[in-house]
Protein backbone atom coordinates (compact mmCIF):
# COMPACT_ATOMS: atom_id res chain seq x y z
CA PHE A 1 -0.57 0.21 0.11
CA SER A 2 1.17 2.80 -1.32
CA PRO A 3 -0.57 6.31 -0.64
CA ASN A 4 2.01 8.89 -1.87
CA ALA A 5 3.27 6.24 -5.42
CA THR A 6 1.59 8.00 -8.57
CA VAL A 7 -1.34 5.85 -10.31
CA THR A 8 -0.35 5.07 -13.80
CA ARG A 9 -2.53 4.30 -16.62
CA ALA A 10 -2.09 0.76 -17.22
CA GLN A 11 -2.75 0.56 -13.11
CA ALA A 12 -6.21 3.42 -13.07
CA VAL A 13 -8.19 1.03 -15.96
CA THR A 14 -7.24 -2.48 -13.91
CA PHE A 15 -8.50 -0.52 -11.16
CA LEU A 16 -11.95 0.77 -13.17
CA GLN A 17 -11.84 -2.61 -14.16
CA ARG A 18 -12.25 -4.00 -11.13
CA MET A 19 -14.98 -1.35 -9.48
CA ALA A 20 -16.87 -1.69 -12.76
CA ASN A 21 -17.05 -6.02 -11.00
CA VAL A 22 -16.03 -6.94 -14.47
CA SER A 23 -14.07 -9.82 -14.24
CA GLU A 24 -10.84 -11.37 -16.35
CA ALA A 25 -13.32 -14.20 -17.86
CA ASP A 26 -15.29 -11.57 -18.99
CA THR A 27 -12.89 -9.67 -20.45
CA ALA A 28 -10.94 -12.23 -21.79
CA LYS A 29 -14.02 -12.95 -24.59
CA ALA A 30 -13.54 -9.69 -25.94
CA ASP A 31 -14.56 -8.88 -29.46
CA VAL A 32 -11.11 -6.89 -29.83
CA GLU A 33 -9.55 -10.42 -30.99
CA GLU A 34 -5.96 -8.58 -30.95
CA SER A 35 -5.00 -5.25 -28.72
CA PRO A 36 -4.64 -2.36 -31.51
CA PHE A 37 -1.76 -0.10 -29.61
CA VAL A 38 1.69 -1.89 -29.88
CA ASP A 39 3.07 -0.65 -26.38
CA ILE A 40 0.76 -3.43 -24.37
CA SER A 41 1.32 -6.92 -24.71
CA SER A 42 -0.82 -10.03 -23.83
CA THR A 43 1.37 -11.47 -21.51
CA ASP A 44 0.82 -8.02 -19.28
CA TYR A 45 -1.19 -8.23 -16.18
CA TYR A 46 -3.67 -4.73 -17.29
CA TYR A 47 -3.55 -6.72 -20.77
CA ASN A 48 -7.77 -7.11 -20.36
CA ALA A 49 -8.04 -3.95 -18.41
CA VAL A 50 -7.01 -2.17 -21.17
CA LEU A 51 -9.32 -4.34 -23.87
CA TRP A 52 -12.14 -3.73 -22.01
CA ALA A 53 -11.41 -0.13 -21.33
CA LYS A 54 -10.74 0.03 -25.02
CA LYS A 55 -13.99 -1.72 -25.94
CA GLU A 56 -16.60 0.44 -24.26
CA GLY A 57 -14.79 3.70 -24.94
CA ILE A 58 -13.81 4.42 -22.13
CA SER A 59 -10.18 4.57 -23.07
CA ASP A 60 -8.55 5.64 -26.79
CA GLY A 61 -5.42 5.16 -25.77
CA THR A 62 -2.88 8.13 -25.99
CA GLY A 63 -1.50 8.18 -29.99
CA LYS A 64 -2.73 5.98 -33.30
CA ASP A 65 -1.29 2.86 -31.75
CA LYS A 66 -0.64 4.27 -28.62
CA PHE A 67 -1.86 2.88 -24.39
CA SER A 68 2.07 4.84 -22.40
CA PRO A 69 0.66 2.03 -19.96
CA ASN A 70 3.54 2.77 -17.17
CA ALA A 71 3.22 7.43 -18.40
CA THR A 72 1.29 8.49 -15.29
CA CYS A 73 -2.49 8.93 -14.91
CA THR A 74 -3.14 12.26 -14.31
CA ARG A 75 -5.40 13.47 -12.03
CA ALA A 76 -7.47 15.12 -15.10
CA GLN A 77 -7.03 11.94 -16.66
CA VAL A 78 -8.22 9.45 -14.05
CA VAL A 79 -11.33 12.10 -13.53
CA THR A 80 -12.34 11.41 -17.11
CA LEU A 81 -11.69 8.18 -16.97
CA LEU A 82 -14.66 8.14 -13.97
CA TYR A 83 -16.84 9.49 -15.83
CA ARG A 84 -16.89 7.46 -18.66
CA VAL A 85 -17.26 4.35 -17.14
CA PHE A 86 -20.47 6.39 -15.10
CA GLU A 87 -21.52 7.44 -17.64
CA LYS A 88 -21.94 3.95 -19.22
């Protein structure tokens, strides 16, 4: 537990996926056959959460084909992600 640590984009979508009570099995069945992002791998712990966020329109990444999973998630980005989750 590190209350003063920064949160990465990968951690943020993983938190949101769990908060939305979406299981790993459900996200593994996502309609996305392969990741649209070149900077994530199917072996990454956050892979299914990122695909879930993309599929649900919660995050389109940070560029044409990037998600930037290790970048710090700013407060503004967290608010945007939360808004999109609760908008559903």
